[in-house]
Amino acid sequence: VLVASEYFEVVVFPELVKLFFERAPRCSIEVKKLKPEMP
């Protein structure tokens, strides 16, 4: 689980997903919306 900005989802996440499922085909990944408060 990642908490991230839209910038990350647009710019980095597509490449991360590509690498992620090449190397962890049985795992899953989720991006939750970044909010003003630190989780």
Full PDB file with SEQRES, HELIX, SHEET, SSBOND, CRYST1, ORIGX, SCALE, CONECT and MASTER records, all heavy atoms in Angstrom:
SEQRES   1 A   39  VAL LEU VAL ALA SER GLU TYR PHE GLU VAL VAL VAL PHE          
SEQRES   2 A   39  PRO GLU LEU VAL LYS LEU PHE PHE GLU ARG ALA PRO ARG          
SEQRES   3 A   39  CYS SER ILE GLU VAL LYS LYS LEU LYS PRO GLU MET PRO          
HELIX    1 AA1 GLU A    6  VAL A   11  1                                   6    
HELIX    2 AA2 PHE A   13  ARG A   23  1                                  11    
SHEET    1 AA1 2 LEU A   2  ALA A   4  0                                        
SHEET    2 AA1 2 VAL A  31  LYS A  33  1                                        
CRYST1    1.000    1.000    1.000  90.00  90.00  90.00 P 1           1          
ORIGX1      1.000000  0.000000  0.000000        0.00000                         
ORIGX2      0.000000  1.000000  0.000000        0.00000                         
ORIGX3      0.000000  0.000000  1.000000        0.00000                         
SCALE1      1.000000  0.000000  0.000000        0.00000                         
SCALE2      0.000000  1.000000  0.000000        0.00000                         
SCALE3      0.000000  0.000000  1.000000        0.00000                         
ATOM      1  N   VAL A   1       0.842  -1.196   0.000  1.00  0.00           N  
ATOM      2  CA  VAL A   1       0.000   0.000   0.000  1.00  0.00           C  
ATOM      3  C   VAL A   1       0.877   1.246   0.000  1.00  0.00           C  
ATOM      4  O   VAL A   1       1.752   1.403   0.857  1.00  0.00           O  
ATOM      5  CB  VAL A   1      -0.945   0.027   1.217  1.00  0.00           C  
ATOM      6  CG1 VAL A   1      -1.770   1.313   1.217  1.00  0.00           C  
ATOM      7  CG2 VAL A   1      -1.867  -1.193   1.206  1.00  0.00           C  
ATOM      8  N   LEU A   2       0.628   2.116  -0.964  1.00  0.00           N  
ATOM      9  CA  LEU A   2       1.304   3.406  -1.043  1.00  0.00           C  
ATOM     10  C   LEU A   2       0.287   4.512  -0.848  1.00  0.00           C  
ATOM     11  O   LEU A   2      -0.855   4.397  -1.306  1.00  0.00           O  
ATOM     12  CB  LEU A   2       1.980   3.587  -2.408  1.00  0.00           C  
ATOM     13  CG  LEU A   2       2.850   2.452  -2.949  1.00  0.00           C  
ATOM     14  CD1 LEU A   2       3.394   2.831  -4.318  1.00  0.00           C  
ATOM     15  CD2 LEU A   2       3.966   2.132  -1.996  1.00  0.00           C  
ATOM     16  N   VAL A   3       0.682   5.576  -0.186  1.00  0.00           N  
ATOM     17  CA  VAL A   3      -0.107   6.804  -0.137  1.00  0.00           C  
ATOM     18  C   VAL A   3       0.675   7.824  -0.948  1.00  0.00           C  
ATOM     19  O   VAL A   3       1.834   8.113  -0.633  1.00  0.00           O  
ATOM     20  CB  VAL A   3      -0.316   7.288   1.309  1.00  0.00           C  
ATOM     21  CG1 VAL A   3      -0.913   8.686   1.319  1.00  0.00           C  
ATOM     22  CG2 VAL A   3      -1.223   6.321   2.064  1.00  0.00           C  
ATOM     23  N   ALA A   4       0.063   8.337  -2.017  1.00  0.00           N  
ATOM     24  CA  ALA A   4       0.855   9.129  -2.953  1.00  0.00           C  
ATOM     25  C   ALA A   4       0.025  10.215  -3.625  1.00  0.00           C  
ATOM     26  O   ALA A   4      -1.204  10.162  -3.681  1.00  0.00           O  
ATOM     27  CB  ALA A   4       1.473   8.211  -4.011  1.00  0.00           C  
ATOM     28  N   SER A   5       0.752  11.186  -4.169  1.00  0.00           N  
ATOM     29  CA  SER A   5       0.145  12.286  -4.910  1.00  0.00           C  
ATOM     30  C   SER A   5      -0.222  11.838  -6.316  1.00  0.00           C  
ATOM     31  O   SER A   5       0.255  10.817  -6.824  1.00  0.00           O  
ATOM     32  CB  SER A   5       1.128  13.457  -4.995  1.00  0.00           C  
ATOM     33  OG  SER A   5       2.264  13.064  -5.754  1.00  0.00           O  
ATOM     34  N   GLU A   6      -1.063  12.628  -6.955  1.00  0.00           N  
ATOM     35  CA  GLU A   6      -1.434  12.336  -8.342  1.00  0.00           C  
ATOM     36  C   GLU A   6      -0.211  12.423  -9.252  1.00  0.00           C  
ATOM     37  O   GLU A   6      -0.109  11.695 -10.243  1.00  0.00           O  
ATOM     38  CB  GLU A   6      -2.518  13.305  -8.823  1.00  0.00           C  
ATOM     39  CG  GLU A   6      -3.050  12.941 -10.205  1.00  0.00           C  
ATOM     40  CD  GLU A   6      -3.984  13.986 -10.782  1.00  0.00           C  
ATOM     41  OE1 GLU A   6      -4.049  15.100 -10.223  1.00  0.00           O  
ATOM     42  OE2 GLU A   6      -4.615  13.705 -11.800  1.00  0.00           O  
ATOM     43  N   TYR A   7       0.710  13.303  -8.924  1.00  0.00           N  
ATOM     44  CA  TYR A   7       1.948  13.407  -9.705  1.00  0.00           C  
ATOM     45  C   TYR A   7       2.623  12.040  -9.797  1.00  0.00           C  
ATOM     46  O   TYR A   7       3.040  11.607 -10.875  1.00  0.00           O  
ATOM     47  CB  TYR A   7       2.882  14.416  -9.044  1.00  0.00           C  
ATOM     48  CG  TYR A   7       4.247  14.535  -9.692  1.00  0.00           C  
ATOM     49  CD1 TYR A   7       4.456  15.403 -10.757  1.00  0.00           C  
ATOM     50  CD2 TYR A   7       5.319  13.772  -9.239  1.00  0.00           C  
ATOM     51  CE1 TYR A   7       5.706  15.512 -11.349  1.00  0.00           C  
ATOM     52  CE2 TYR A   7       6.569  13.876  -9.823  1.00  0.00           C  
ATOM     53  CZ  TYR A   7       6.758  14.744 -10.878  1.00  0.00           C  
ATOM     54  OH  TYR A   7       7.996  14.836 -11.472  1.00  0.00           O  
ATOM     55  N   PHE A   8       2.733  11.352  -8.679  1.00  0.00           N  
ATOM     56  CA  PHE A   8       3.336  10.025  -8.671  1.00  0.00           C  
ATOM     57  C   PHE A   8       2.538   9.064  -9.549  1.00  0.00           C  
ATOM     58  O   PHE A   8       3.114   8.300 -10.330  1.00  0.00           O  
ATOM     59  CB  PHE A   8       3.398   9.490  -7.243  1.00  0.00           C  
ATOM     60  CG  PHE A   8       3.693   8.015  -7.154  1.00  0.00           C  
ATOM     61  CD1 PHE A   8       4.982   7.540  -7.315  1.00  0.00           C  
ATOM     62  CD2 PHE A   8       2.669   7.101  -6.934  1.00  0.00           C  
ATOM     63  CE1 PHE A   8       5.251   6.181  -7.255  1.00  0.00           C  
ATOM     64  CE2 PHE A   8       2.939   5.742  -6.869  1.00  0.00           C  
ATOM     65  CZ  PHE A   8       4.226   5.282  -7.035  1.00  0.00           C  
ATOM     66  N   GLU A   9       1.210   9.090  -9.435  1.00  0.00           N  
ATOM     67  CA  GLU A   9       0.382   8.161 -10.208  1.00  0.00           C  
ATOM     68  C   GLU A   9       0.531   8.392 -11.710  1.00  0.00           C  
ATOM     69  O   GLU A   9       0.544   7.439 -12.492  1.00  0.00           O  
ATOM     70  CB  GLU A   9      -1.080   8.300  -9.797  1.00  0.00           C  
ATOM     71  CG  GLU A   9      -1.384   7.765  -8.413  1.00  0.00           C  
ATOM     72  CD  GLU A   9      -2.866   7.727  -8.127  1.00  0.00           C  
ATOM     73  OE1 GLU A   9      -3.419   8.771  -7.715  1.00  0.00           O  
ATOM     74  OE2 GLU A   9      -3.484   6.664  -8.325  1.00  0.00           O  
ATOM     75  N   VAL A  10       0.657   9.652 -12.102  1.00  0.00           N  
ATOM     76  CA  VAL A  10       0.754   9.976 -13.525  1.00  0.00           C  
ATOM     77  C   VAL A  10       2.155   9.732 -14.066  1.00  0.00           C  
ATOM     78  O   VAL A  10       2.339   9.180 -15.158  1.00  0.00           O  
ATOM     79  CB  VAL A  10       0.333  11.449 -13.759  1.00  0.00           C  
ATOM     80  CG1 VAL A  10       0.651  11.888 -15.186  1.00  0.00           C  
ATOM     81  CG2 VAL A  10      -1.150  11.628 -13.473  1.00  0.00           C  
ATOM     82  N   VAL A  11       3.164  10.107 -13.295  1.00  0.00           N  
ATOM     83  CA  VAL A  11       4.533  10.137 -13.802  1.00  0.00           C  
ATOM     84  C   VAL A  11       5.295   8.836 -13.556  1.00  0.00           C  
ATOM     85  O   VAL A  11       5.994   8.334 -14.439  1.00  0.00           O  
ATOM     86  CB  VAL A  11       5.304  11.327 -13.180  1.00  0.00           C  
ATOM     87  CG1 VAL A  11       6.779  11.299 -13.577  1.00  0.00           C  
ATOM     88  CG2 VAL A  11       4.664  12.641 -13.605  1.00  0.00           C  
ATOM     89  N   VAL A  12       5.165   8.265 -12.354  1.00  0.00           N  
ATOM     90  CA  VAL A  12       6.021   7.146 -11.949  1.00  0.00           C  
ATOM     91  C   VAL A  12       5.286   5.808 -11.898  1.00  0.00           C  
ATOM     92  O   VAL A  12       5.850   4.771 -12.243  1.00  0.00           O  
ATOM     93  CB  VAL A  12       6.664   7.432 -10.564  1.00  0.00           C  
ATOM     94  CG1 VAL A  12       7.566   6.276 -10.137  1.00  0.00           C  
ATOM     95  CG2 VAL A  12       7.450   8.725 -10.596  1.00  0.00           C  
ATOM     96  N   PHE A  13       4.046   5.831 -11.479  1.00  0.00           N  
ATOM     97  CA  PHE A  13       3.338   4.578 -11.192  1.00  0.00           C  
ATOM     98  C   PHE A  13       3.264   3.630 -12.393  1.00  0.00           C  
ATOM     99  O   PHE A  13       3.431   2.413 -12.225  1.00  0.00           O  
ATOM    100  CB  PHE A  13       1.947   4.878 -10.649  1.00  0.00           C  
ATOM    101  CG  PHE A  13       1.285   3.691 -10.003  1.00  0.00           C  
ATOM    102  CD1 PHE A  13       1.919   2.974  -8.989  1.00  0.00           C  
ATOM    103  CD2 PHE A  13       0.024   3.280 -10.403  1.00  0.00           C  
ATOM    104  CE1 PHE A  13       1.312   1.883  -8.389  1.00  0.00           C  
ATOM    105  CE2 PHE A  13      -0.596   2.185  -9.810  1.00  0.00           C  
ATOM    106  CZ  PHE A  13       0.051   1.488  -8.803  1.00  0.00           C  
ATOM    107  N   PRO A  14       3.018   4.104 -13.616  1.00  0.00           N  
ATOM    108  CA  PRO A  14       2.992   3.157 -14.744  1.00  0.00           C  
ATOM    109  C   PRO A  14       4.281   2.348 -14.881  1.00  0.00           C  
ATOM    110  O   PRO A  14       4.238   1.133 -15.121  1.00  0.00           O  
ATOM    111  CB  PRO A  14       2.760   4.062 -15.956  1.00  0.00           C  
ATOM    112  CG  PRO A  14       2.012   5.233 -15.384  1.00  0.00           C  
ATOM    113  CD  PRO A  14       2.622   5.465 -14.033  1.00  0.00           C  
ATOM    114  N   GLU A  15       5.422   2.997 -14.721  1.00  0.00           N  
ATOM    115  CA  GLU A  15       6.700   2.283 -14.811  1.00  0.00           C  
ATOM    116  C   GLU A  15       6.882   1.357 -13.619  1.00  0.00           C  
ATOM    117  O   GLU A  15       7.386   0.227 -13.765  1.00  0.00           O  
ATOM    118  CB  GLU A  15       7.855   3.285 -14.861  1.00  0.00           C  
ATOM    119  CG  GLU A  15       9.241   2.660 -14.960  1.00  0.00           C  
ATOM    120  CD  GLU A  15       9.467   1.890 -16.257  1.00  0.00           C  
ATOM    121  OE1 GLU A  15       8.831   2.228 -17.271  1.00  0.00           O  
ATOM    122  OE2 GLU A  15      10.275   0.933 -16.239  1.00  0.00           O  
ATOM    123  N   LEU A  16       6.458   1.806 -12.435  1.00  0.00           N  
ATOM    124  CA  LEU A  16       6.572   0.962 -11.247  1.00  0.00           C  
ATOM    125  C   LEU A  16       5.731  -0.301 -11.395  1.00  0.00           C  
ATOM    126  O   LEU A  16       6.183  -1.396 -11.042  1.00  0.00           O  
ATOM    127  CB  LEU A  16       6.142   1.736 -10.002  1.00  0.00           C  
ATOM    128  CG  LEU A  16       6.180   0.942  -8.688  1.00  0.00           C  
ATOM    129  CD1 LEU A  16       7.609   0.521  -8.344  1.00  0.00           C  
ATOM    130  CD2 LEU A  16       5.567   1.741  -7.539  1.00  0.00           C  
ATOM    131  N   VAL A  17       4.512  -0.164 -11.890  1.00  0.00           N  
ATOM    132  CA  VAL A  17       3.641  -1.328 -12.070  1.00  0.00           C  
ATOM    133  C   VAL A  17       4.270  -2.333 -13.036  1.00  0.00           C  
ATOM    134  O   VAL A  17       4.235  -3.549 -12.811  1.00  0.00           O  
ATOM    135  CB  VAL A  17       2.244  -0.890 -12.562  1.00  0.00           C  
ATOM    136  CG1 VAL A  17       1.429  -2.088 -13.037  1.00  0.00           C  
ATOM    137  CG2 VAL A  17       1.502  -0.174 -11.441  1.00  0.00           C  
ATOM    138  N   LYS A  18       4.857  -1.838 -14.099  1.00  0.00           N  
ATOM    139  CA  LYS A  18       5.520  -2.718 -15.074  1.00  0.00           C  
ATOM    140  C   LYS A  18       6.616  -3.544 -14.401  1.00  0.00           C  
ATOM    141  O   LYS A  18       6.668  -4.774 -14.541  1.00  0.00           O  
ATOM    142  CB  LYS A  18       6.097  -1.873 -16.203  1.00  0.00           C  
ATOM    143  CG  LYS A  18       6.972  -2.622 -17.207  1.00  0.00           C  
ATOM    144  CD  LYS A  18       7.394  -1.678 -18.325  1.00  0.00           C  
ATOM    145  CE  LYS A  18       8.514  -2.263 -19.158  1.00  0.00           C  
ATOM    146  NZ  LYS A  18       9.801  -2.290 -18.444  1.00  0.00           N  
ATOM    147  N   LEU A  19       7.499  -2.870 -13.656  1.00  0.00           N  
ATOM    148  CA  LEU A  19       8.582  -3.573 -12.967  1.00  0.00           C  
ATOM    149  C   LEU A  19       8.041  -4.483 -11.868  1.00  0.00           C  
ATOM    150  O   LEU A  19       8.537  -5.599 -11.665  1.00  0.00           O  
ATOM    151  CB  LEU A  19       9.553  -2.558 -12.357  1.00  0.00           C  
ATOM    152  CG  LEU A  19      10.324  -1.659 -13.331  1.00  0.00           C  
ATOM    153  CD1 LEU A  19      11.115  -0.616 -12.561  1.00  0.00           C  
ATOM    154  CD2 LEU A  19      11.239  -2.484 -14.209  1.00  0.00           C  
ATOM    155  N   PHE A  20       7.019  -4.008 -11.165  1.00  0.00           N  
ATOM    156  CA  PHE A  20       6.453  -4.737 -10.017  1.00  0.00           C  
ATOM    157  C   PHE A  20       5.958  -6.115 -10.441  1.00  0.00           C  
ATOM    158  O   PHE A  20       6.300  -7.137  -9.820  1.00  0.00           O  
ATOM    159  CB  PHE A  20       5.319  -3.908  -9.414  1.00  0.00           C  
ATOM    160  CG  PHE A  20       4.713  -4.488  -8.172  1.00  0.00           C  
ATOM    161  CD1 PHE A  20       5.199  -4.149  -6.919  1.00  0.00           C  
ATOM    162  CD2 PHE A  20       3.632  -5.359  -8.246  1.00  0.00           C  
ATOM    163  CE1 PHE A  20       4.634  -4.675  -5.765  1.00  0.00           C  
ATOM    164  CE2 PHE A  20       3.062  -5.886  -7.106  1.00  0.00           C  
ATOM    165  CZ  PHE A  20       3.564  -5.551  -5.861  1.00  0.00           C  
ATOM    166  N   PHE A  21       5.159  -6.179 -11.502  1.00  0.00           N  
ATOM    167  CA  PHE A  21       4.563  -7.459 -11.873  1.00  0.00           C  
ATOM    168  C   PHE A  21       5.512  -8.350 -12.676  1.00  0.00           C  
ATOM    169  O   PHE A  21       5.263  -9.548 -12.808  1.00  0.00           O  
ATOM    170  CB  PHE A  21       3.239  -7.241 -12.594  1.00  0.00           C  
ATOM    171  CG  PHE A  21       2.139  -6.857 -11.640  1.00  0.00           C  
ATOM    172  CD1 PHE A  21       1.742  -5.534 -11.509  1.00  0.00           C  
ATOM    173  CD2 PHE A  21       1.537  -7.804 -10.833  1.00  0.00           C  
ATOM    174  CE1 PHE A  21       0.761  -5.167 -10.609  1.00  0.00           C  
ATOM    175  CE2 PHE A  21       0.552  -7.455  -9.926  1.00  0.00           C  
ATOM    176  CZ  PHE A  21       0.157  -6.129  -9.813  1.00  0.00           C  
ATOM    177  N   GLU A  22       6.589  -7.779 -13.187  1.00  0.00           N  
ATOM    178  CA  GLU A  22       7.643  -8.619 -13.753  1.00  0.00           C  
ATOM    179  C   GLU A  22       8.350  -9.412 -12.655  1.00  0.00           C  
ATOM    180  O   GLU A  22       8.783 -10.540 -12.879  1.00  0.00           O  
ATOM    181  CB  GLU A  22       8.675  -7.756 -14.485  1.00  0.00           C  
ATOM    182  CG  GLU A  22       8.218  -7.206 -15.819  1.00  0.00           C  
ATOM    183  CD  GLU A  22       9.232  -6.264 -16.441  1.00  0.00           C  
ATOM    184  OE1 GLU A  22      10.258  -5.959 -15.779  1.00  0.00           O  
ATOM    185  OE2 GLU A  22       9.002  -5.818 -17.577  1.00  0.00           O  
ATOM    186  N   ARG A  23       8.427  -8.822 -11.466  1.00  0.00           N  
ATOM    187  CA  ARG A  23       9.228  -9.416 -10.397  1.00  0.00           C  
ATOM    188  C   ARG A  23       8.413  -9.954  -9.231  1.00  0.00           C  
ATOM    189  O   ARG A  23       8.939 -10.687  -8.400  1.00  0.00           O  
ATOM    190  CB  ARG A  23      10.215  -8.365  -9.875  1.00  0.00           C  
ATOM    191  CG  ARG A  23      11.096  -7.852 -10.993  1.00  0.00           C  
ATOM    192  CD  ARG A  23      12.075  -6.820 -10.535  1.00  0.00           C  
ATOM    193  NE  ARG A  23      12.758  -6.215 -11.675  1.00  0.00           N  
ATOM    194  CZ  ARG A  23      13.774  -5.386 -11.569  1.00  0.00           C  
ATOM    195  NH1 ARG A  23      14.220  -5.058 -10.376  1.00  0.00           N  
ATOM    196  NH2 ARG A  23      14.338  -4.877 -12.648  1.00  0.00           N  
ATOM    197  N   ALA A  24       7.150  -9.571  -9.167  1.00  0.00           N  
ATOM    198  CA  ALA A  24       6.291 -10.052  -8.073  1.00  0.00           C  
ATOM    199  C   ALA A  24       4.906 -10.384  -8.618  1.00  0.00           C  
ATOM    200  O   ALA A  24       3.921  -9.723  -8.299  1.00  0.00           O  
ATOM    201  CB  ALA A  24       6.200  -9.000  -6.975  1.00  0.00           C  
ATOM    202  N   PRO A  25       4.824 -11.415  -9.462  1.00  0.00           N  
ATOM    203  CA  PRO A  25       3.559 -11.696 -10.162  1.00  0.00           C  
ATOM    204  C   PRO A  25       2.410 -12.105  -9.261  1.00  0.00           C  
ATOM    205  O   PRO A  25       1.246 -12.023  -9.662  1.00  0.00           O  
ATOM    206  CB  PRO A  25       3.950 -12.840 -11.111  1.00  0.00           C  
ATOM    207  CG  PRO A  25       5.157 -13.473 -10.473  1.00  0.00           C  
ATOM    208  CD  PRO A  25       5.895 -12.360  -9.816  1.00  0.00           C  
ATOM    209  N   ARG A  26       2.701 -12.531  -8.037  1.00  0.00           N  
ATOM    210  CA  ARG A  26       1.636 -12.988  -7.139  1.00  0.00           C  
ATOM    211  C   ARG A  26       1.292 -11.950  -6.073  1.00  0.00           C  
ATOM    212  O   ARG A  26       0.440 -12.174  -5.225  1.00  0.00           O  
ATOM    213  CB  ARG A  26       2.048 -14.304  -6.482  1.00  0.00           C  
ATOM    214  CG  ARG A  26       2.344 -15.411  -7.493  1.00  0.00           C  
ATOM    215  CD  ARG A  26       2.911 -16.655  -6.853  1.00  0.00           C  
ATOM    216  NE  ARG A  26       1.930 -17.333  -6.014  1.00  0.00           N  
ATOM    217  CZ  ARG A  26       2.179 -18.452  -5.335  1.00  0.00           C  
ATOM    218  NH1 ARG A  26       3.385 -19.019  -5.412  1.00  0.00           N  
ATOM    219  NH2 ARG A  26       1.248 -19.003  -4.597  1.00  0.00           N  
ATOM    220  N   CYS A  27       1.955 -10.804  -6.143  1.00  0.00           N  
ATOM    221  CA  CYS A  27       1.675  -9.717  -5.192  1.00  0.00           C  
ATOM    222  C   CYS A  27       0.686  -8.730  -5.808  1.00  0.00           C  
ATOM    223  O   CYS A  27       0.334  -8.827  -6.983  1.00  0.00           O  
ATOM    224  CB  CYS A  27       2.967  -8.999  -4.820  1.00  0.00           C  
ATOM    225  SG  CYS A  27       4.125  -9.999  -3.850  1.00  0.00           S  
ATOM    226  N   SER A  28       0.248  -7.790  -5.018  1.00  0.00           N  
ATOM    227  CA  SER A  28      -0.632  -6.727  -5.498  1.00  0.00           C  
ATOM    228  C   SER A  28      -0.177  -5.402  -4.899  1.00  0.00           C  
ATOM    229  O   SER A  28       0.540  -5.373  -3.897  1.00  0.00           O  
ATOM    230  CB  SER A  28      -2.089  -7.006  -5.124  1.00  0.00           C  
ATOM    231  OG  SER A  28      -2.233  -7.153  -3.727  1.00  0.00           O  
ATOM    232  N   ILE A  29      -0.600  -4.307  -5.530  1.00  0.00           N  
ATOM    233  CA  ILE A  29      -0.172  -2.989  -5.077  1.00  0.00           C  
ATOM    234  C   ILE A  29      -1.337  -2.023  -5.200  1.00  0.00           C  
ATOM    235  O   ILE A  29      -2.129  -2.097  -6.143  1.00  0.00           O  
ATOM    236  CB  ILE A  29       1.059  -2.504  -5.884  1.00  0.00           C  
ATOM    237  CG1 ILE A  29       1.631  -1.215  -5.277  1.00  0.00           C  
ATOM    238  CG2 ILE A  29       0.737  -2.345  -7.361  1.00  0.00           C  
ATOM    239  CD1 ILE A  29       3.012  -0.865  -5.812  1.00  0.00           C  
ATOM    240  N   GLU A  30      -1.446  -1.124  -4.240  1.00  0.00           N  
ATOM    241  CA  GLU A  30      -2.557  -0.169  -4.169  1.00  0.00           C  
ATOM    242  C   GLU A  30      -2.010   1.218  -3.870  1.00  0.00           C  
ATOM    243  O   GLU A  30      -1.098   1.372  -3.064  1.00  0.00           O  
ATOM    244  CB  GLU A  30      -3.525  -0.602  -3.065  1.00  0.00           C  
ATOM    245  CG  GLU A  30      -4.655   0.367  -2.787  1.00  0.00           C  
ATOM    246  CD  GLU A  30      -5.519  -0.056  -1.612  1.00  0.00           C  
ATOM    247  OE1 GLU A  30      -5.219  -1.098  -0.988  1.00  0.00           O  
ATOM    248  OE2 GLU A  30      -6.496   0.669  -1.314  1.00  0.00           O  
ATOM    249  N   VAL A  31      -2.585   2.220  -4.535  1.00  0.00           N  
ATOM    250  CA  VAL A  31      -2.241   3.613  -4.233  1.00  0.00           C  
ATOM    251  C   VAL A  31      -3.459   4.279  -3.609  1.00  0.00           C  
ATOM    252  O   VAL A  31      -4.534   4.299  -4.201  1.00  0.00           O  
ATOM    253  CB  VAL A  31      -1.817   4.388  -5.493  1.00  0.00           C  
ATOM    254  CG1 VAL A  31      -1.505   5.832  -5.136  1.00  0.00           C  
ATOM    255  CG2 VAL A  31      -0.609   3.738  -6.140  1.00  0.00           C  
ATOM    256  N   LYS A  32      -3.269   4.814  -2.406  1.00  0.00           N  
ATOM    257  CA  LYS A  32      -4.325   5.561  -1.738  1.00  0.00           C  
ATOM    258  C   LYS A  32      -4.047   7.054  -1.876  1.00  0.00           C  
ATOM    259  O   LYS A  32      -2.898   7.483  -1.968  1.00  0.00           O  
ATOM    260  CB  LYS A  32      -4.411   5.176  -0.261  1.00  0.00           C  
ATOM    261  CG  LYS A  32      -4.902   3.749  -0.038  1.00  0.00           C  
ATOM    262  CD  LYS A  32      -5.105   3.453   1.442  1.00  0.00           C  
ATOM    263  CE  LYS A  32      -5.700   2.065   1.633  1.00  0.00           C  
ATOM    264  NZ  LYS A  32      -5.937   1.748   3.071  1.00  0.00           N  
ATOM    265  N   LYS A  33      -5.117   7.836  -1.874  1.00  0.00           N  
ATOM    266  CA  LYS A  33      -4.999   9.275  -2.102  1.00  0.00           C  
ATOM    267  C   LYS A  33      -4.226   9.954  -0.979  1.00  0.00           C  
ATOM    268  O   LYS A  33      -4.459   9.701   0.200  1.00  0.00           O  
ATOM    269  CB  LYS A  33      -6.389   9.891  -2.225  1.00  0.00           C  
ATOM    270  CG  LYS A  33      -6.368  11.369  -2.592  1.00  0.00           C  
ATOM    271  CD  LYS A  33      -7.772  11.902  -2.797  1.00  0.00           C  
ATOM    272  CE  LYS A  33      -7.743  13.375  -3.172  1.00  0.00           C  
ATOM    273  NZ  LYS A  33      -9.097  13.909  -3.409  1.00  0.00           N  
ATOM    274  N   LEU A  34      -3.312  10.818  -1.369  1.00  0.00           N  
ATOM    275  CA  LEU A  34      -2.567  11.616  -0.405  1.00  0.00           C  
ATOM    276  C   LEU A  34      -3.479  12.680   0.195  1.00  0.00           C  
ATOM    277  O   LEU A  34      -4.212  13.365  -0.518  1.00  0.00           O  
ATOM    278  CB  LEU A  34      -1.381  12.291  -1.105  1.00  0.00           C  
ATOM    279  CG  LEU A  34      -0.452  13.125  -0.243  1.00  0.00           C  
ATOM    280  CD1 LEU A  34       0.380  12.231   0.658  1.00  0.00           C  
ATOM    281  CD2 LEU A  34       0.451  13.989  -1.118  1.00  0.00           C  
ATOM    282  N   LYS A  35      -3.424  12.822   1.509  1.00  0.00           N  
ATOM    283  CA  LYS A  35      -4.213  13.828   2.209  1.00  0.00           C  
ATOM    284  C   LYS A  35      -3.277  14.775   2.950  1.00  0.00           C  
ATOM    285  O   LYS A  35      -2.087  14.481   3.113  1.00  0.00           O  
ATOM    286  CB  LYS A  35      -5.187  13.149   3.179  1.00  0.00           C  
ATOM    287  CG  LYS A  35      -6.205  12.260   2.480  1.00  0.00           C  
ATOM    288  CD  LYS A  35      -7.151  11.606   3.477  1.00  0.00           C  
ATOM    289  CE  LYS A  35      -8.162  10.724   2.748  1.00  0.00           C  
ATOM    290  NZ  LYS A  35      -9.094  10.058   3.689  1.00  0.00           N  
ATOM    291  N   PRO A  36      -3.787  15.898   3.408  1.00  0.00           N  
ATOM    292  CA  PRO A  36      -2.903  16.868   4.093  1.00  0.00           C  
ATOM    293  C   PRO A  36      -2.254  16.343   5.359  1.00  0.00           C  
ATOM    294  O   PRO A  36      -1.221  16.853   5.778  1.00  0.00           O  
ATOM    295  CB  PRO A  36      -3.853  18.036   4.413  1.00  0.00           C  
ATOM    296  CG  PRO A  36      -4.946  17.927   3.408  1.00  0.00           C  
ATOM    297  CD  PRO A  36      -5.129  16.460   3.167  1.00  0.00           C  
ATOM    298  N   GLU A  37      -2.860  15.304   5.977  1.00  0.00           N  
ATOM    299  CA  GLU A  37      -2.300  14.771   7.217  1.00  0.00           C  
ATOM    300  C   GLU A  37      -1.395  13.571   6.930  1.00  0.00           C  
ATOM    301  O   GLU A  37      -1.753  12.679   6.158  1.00  0.00           O  
ATOM    302  CB  GLU A  37      -3.411  14.334   8.178  1.00  0.00           C  
ATOM    303  CG  GLU A  37      -4.367  15.445   8.579  1.00  0.00           C  
ATOM    304  CD  GLU A  37      -5.414  15.738   7.523  1.00  0.00           C  
ATOM    305  OE1 GLU A  37      -5.712  14.823   6.715  1.00  0.00           O  
ATOM    306  OE2 GLU A  37      -5.908  16.877   7.483  1.00  0.00           O  
ATOM    307  N   MET A  38      -0.246  13.540   7.572  1.00  0.00           N  
ATOM    308  CA  MET A  38       0.661  12.402   7.444  1.00  0.00           C  
ATOM    309  C   MET A  38       0.036  11.148   8.076  1.00  0.00           C  
ATOM    310  O   MET A  38      -0.399  11.195   9.229  1.00  0.00           O  
ATOM    311  CB  MET A  38       1.982  12.718   8.138  1.00  0.00           C  
ATOM    312  CG  MET A  38       2.913  11.514   8.309  1.00  0.00           C  
ATOM    313  SD  MET A  38       3.656  11.003   6.758  1.00  0.00           S  
ATOM    314  CE  MET A  38       4.975  12.221   6.636  1.00  0.00           C  
ATOM    315  N   PRO A  39      -0.032  10.024   7.362  1.00  0.00           N  
ATOM    316  CA  PRO A  39      -0.585   8.788   7.936  1.00  0.00           C  
ATOM    317  C   PRO A  39       0.434   8.079   8.827  1.00  0.00           C  
ATOM    318  O   PRO A  39       0.874   6.961   8.559  1.00  0.00           O  
ATOM    319  CB  PRO A  39      -0.933   7.962   6.694  1.00  0.00           C  
ATOM    320  CG  PRO A  39       0.064   8.395   5.676  1.00  0.00           C  
ATOM    321  CD  PRO A  39       0.309   9.862   5.937  1.00  0.00           C  
TER     322      PRO A  39                                                      
MASTER        0    0    0    2    2    0    0    6  321    1    0    3          
END                                                                             
